[in-house]
Structures are given as C-alpha cells and as structure tokens.
C-alpha cells in the first residue's frame, strides 16, 4: 500500500507499513542530496515517535567502494515480513534498537528460546536495509574462523576472506550470534 501525507510541509510517501501502521518505511525528497531518501518511523502506543534514515546504495560512504568490495543491502526477500504483527513490547524493542543503532551503539538481546529475538533482529536488518549476518555457535567451534577471518583456496594458493564480524562492522550491518 502506498499513500502520501504531509509533515512539516514535506510530502512523505508511505512505502510499506507493518503492525497496523505502527512501523512504516517512508520516502521523501531530500533537497540537499537532490534525491529521494527513505526513513523508518516507529510510533509507540504511548505516542512517542522515532525516525531513522534507511540505508541505500547511494549513500556517500558506500559510493566510493569498488564493486567487488561493496557491502550488500539486506539480501533476503521482504515477503517474509508481510504478515508480522507486533505487541507493545516488540514495538518498544524495535524503537530501543533503532535509537541505539542510530547513535552507533551495539546491542545485546537476551531471552529464552522462542521469544522471537531472531525474527525481530532480521526484521530490523530489513528495515534499515543493512546486511544481516548470523553465526550459529556450537561446542568446539573455531571462533577465529567463524567470526574474524577465513582462508579459501584461490587459483592454487590461499586467499584471506573477512568473516561476519568485520563485515558487519565495515558495512554497518547486523551480526546475530545465536546460541
């Protein structure tokens, strides 16, 4: 559903809504950048609203990278989020995460299995349009290989490849470390 509304004399297009309109991806024209940019707006049941700019591939910090070095945007299909519903606690969770993310802070989410942490984190990566990396921890795993650096065969030699931790830090992505 695409609709338009005005806010502070700006035309804002609602690109997609979730949770009965509590979470929206909005698009507006930015005169300084001379192009349209997208934002995520989250409205809490108490009436508090936060707005965070959504990443796009035209952002200055990504524009200068060589094609083979570019960090991809969220790669999975958005269809998986079409039927999501959110209660007050989940909306507060999303707001808290987005506020911390916007100011460059890291977040740690703990909870029992089945709480929905993975689903919410993946949804937030989609909202922000950033890469999503997931590492499943297992007994006896090699932490350096799983997180930091791996070596792969390349034309008879060895080539180093960054792991999910430095990739997520480099591209502003989200790394989920799962028990």
Foldseek 3Di string as FASTA:
>chain_A
DWDWDDDPNWIKIFPDAAQVRQWTWIWTQDVVVRGIWIWIWGAAPVGDIDIGTADDCVDPVNVPDDPVPGFAFADDDPVVRPPDHDDRVLSVVLVVVRVCLRVPHDDDDDDDPPPCPVVSLSVSSVSNRGYEAEFEDDPPDDCCCQAAWDWDDDPNDIDIDGHDNVSCVSGVGYYHYHD
